[in-house]
Structures are given as structure tokens and as C-alpha cells.
Amino acid sequence: MTTIALEKAASSLAELAARVEGGETIVLTRDGKPVLDLVPHRRTPGLDIEAGEAFLRARGITRSSGFIADDFDDPLPEDFLIQPLSGS
């Protein structure tokens, strides 16, 4: 890990970027105190649906989601909230 003063880093940003691309971590300082780290970019992995389904299948779970009715998002009747519950 290399430490460089912020003032010096401003004039050699391209060189520092090349070093960071090579895997090096560089600490930039102001008045001798660490201000920020230059580190290689890491891609965050997305959601792997296939791996999740394989995980569930290995444990005997064949359906990864419940049933959603075709009319799930249809508007409710106007008097829905004032109707008594069935079986009450």
C-alpha cells in the first residue's frame, strides 16, 4: 500500500490510475492524514436466479414462487372495505 500526498496525486492521476488498475491500493493524504483510498473497481454481482433455483431444488423445493392470480392487480370493488368477512 502506497501513501501519496493529495497535492502530488493531482499531477499524476493517470499514473496512479494505472497502478490501481494493476491491483495496488493507494492512500491519498492531506497534511499527513489519510483522506481517501484509491482501490481497483469491483463489480458487484447481480442476482443469480439459476443458482437460487438449483439451491432450492437440491433441498426438494420444486416451486420457487407462490401462485399469483391473473386478476391480482385488478381494481377492487368500491364497497370492498365495508363488506363483512365471509364466515363471520
Protein backbone atom coordinates (compact mmCIF):
# COMPACT_ATOMS: atom_id res chain seq x y z
CA MET A 1 0.00 0.00 0.00
CA THR A 2 1.46 3.32 -1.10
CA THR A 3 0.81 6.67 0.57
CA ILE A 4 0.91 9.86 -1.52
CA ALA A 5 0.13 13.48 -0.66
CA LEU A 6 -3.06 14.72 -2.30
CA GLU A 7 -1.22 17.67 -3.89
CA LYS A 8 1.25 15.35 -5.65
CA ALA A 9 -1.50 12.94 -6.72
CA ALA A 10 -3.33 15.65 -8.65
CA SER A 11 -0.47 15.97 -11.14
CA SER A 12 -0.02 12.22 -11.63
CA LEU A 13 -3.58 10.91 -11.70
CA ALA A 14 -3.11 8.88 -14.90
CA GLU A 15 -0.05 7.13 -13.46
CA LEU A 16 -1.88 6.40 -10.19
CA ALA A 17 -4.88 5.04 -12.10
CA ALA A 18 -2.60 2.64 -13.99
CA ARG A 19 -1.10 1.41 -10.70
CA VAL A 20 -4.56 0.92 -9.20
CA GLU A 21 -5.67 -0.99 -12.32
CA GLY A 22 -2.73 -3.29 -11.63
CA GLY A 23 -4.24 -4.11 -8.24
CA GLU A 24 -2.40 -1.67 -5.99
CA THR A 25 -4.16 0.32 -3.27
CA ILE A 26 -3.00 3.91 -2.88
CA VAL A 27 -3.81 6.09 0.15
CA LEU A 28 -4.04 9.83 -0.52
CA THR A 29 -3.23 12.09 2.40
CA ARG A 30 -3.72 15.76 3.32
CA ASP A 31 -1.36 17.17 5.95
CA GLY A 32 -0.16 13.62 6.64
CA LYS A 33 -3.66 12.31 7.44
CA PRO A 34 -5.40 9.74 5.22
CA VAL A 35 -8.20 11.29 3.16
CA LEU A 36 -9.17 8.59 0.68
CA ASP A 37 -8.14 5.27 -0.80
CA LEU A 38 -7.72 4.58 -4.49
CA VAL A 39 -8.70 0.95 -4.96
CA PRO A 40 -9.46 -1.21 -8.00
CA HIS A 41 -13.09 -1.18 -9.07
CA ARG A 42 -15.06 -4.30 -8.10
CA ARG A 43 -18.20 -5.25 -9.95
CA THR A 44 -20.99 -6.21 -7.63
CA PRO A 45 -22.56 -9.44 -8.78
CA GLY A 46 -26.22 -9.42 -9.64
CA LEU A 47 -28.87 -11.85 -8.53
CA ASP A 48 -28.22 -15.35 -9.91
CA ILE A 49 -31.73 -16.78 -10.34
CA GLU A 50 -30.48 -20.09 -11.74
CA ALA A 51 -28.21 -20.67 -8.74
CA GLY A 52 -31.09 -19.88 -6.39
CA GLU A 53 -33.40 -22.32 -8.13
CA ALA A 54 -30.68 -25.02 -8.10
CA PHE A 55 -30.23 -24.41 -4.37
CA LEU A 56 -33.96 -24.89 -3.75
CA ARG A 57 -34.18 -27.99 -5.99
CA ALA A 58 -31.30 -29.58 -4.07
CA ARG A 59 -33.44 -29.23 -0.94
CA GLY A 60 -36.58 -30.67 -2.51
CA ILE A 61 -38.36 -27.39 -3.20
CA THR A 62 -39.75 -27.50 -6.72
CA ARG A 63 -41.61 -24.17 -6.87
CA SER A 64 -39.66 -21.05 -6.02
CA SER A 65 -42.65 -18.72 -6.03
CA GLY A 66 -46.26 -18.96 -4.98
CA PHE A 67 -49.29 -18.68 -7.21
CA ILE A 68 -50.30 -15.21 -8.36
CA ALA A 69 -53.80 -14.94 -9.80
CA ASP A 70 -54.22 -13.27 -13.20
CA ASP A 71 -56.57 -10.70 -11.68
CA PHE A 72 -54.22 -9.90 -8.76
CA ASP A 73 -53.85 -6.24 -9.65
CA ASP A 74 -57.40 -5.61 -10.87
CA PRO A 75 -59.24 -2.82 -9.03
CA LEU A 76 -61.27 -3.89 -6.01
CA PRO A 77 -65.00 -3.19 -5.80
CA GLU A 78 -65.87 0.18 -4.31
CA ASP A 79 -67.59 -1.35 -1.26
CA PHE A 80 -64.83 -3.91 -0.59
CA LEU A 81 -63.78 -2.44 2.75
CA ILE A 82 -67.31 -2.23 4.16
CA GLN A 83 -68.39 -5.77 3.24
CA PRO A 84 -68.39 -8.24 6.14
CA LEU A 85 -65.81 -11.01 6.03
CA SER A 86 -67.20 -14.30 4.78
CA GLY A 87 -67.86 -16.82 7.56
CA SER A 88 -68.14 -14.12 10.24
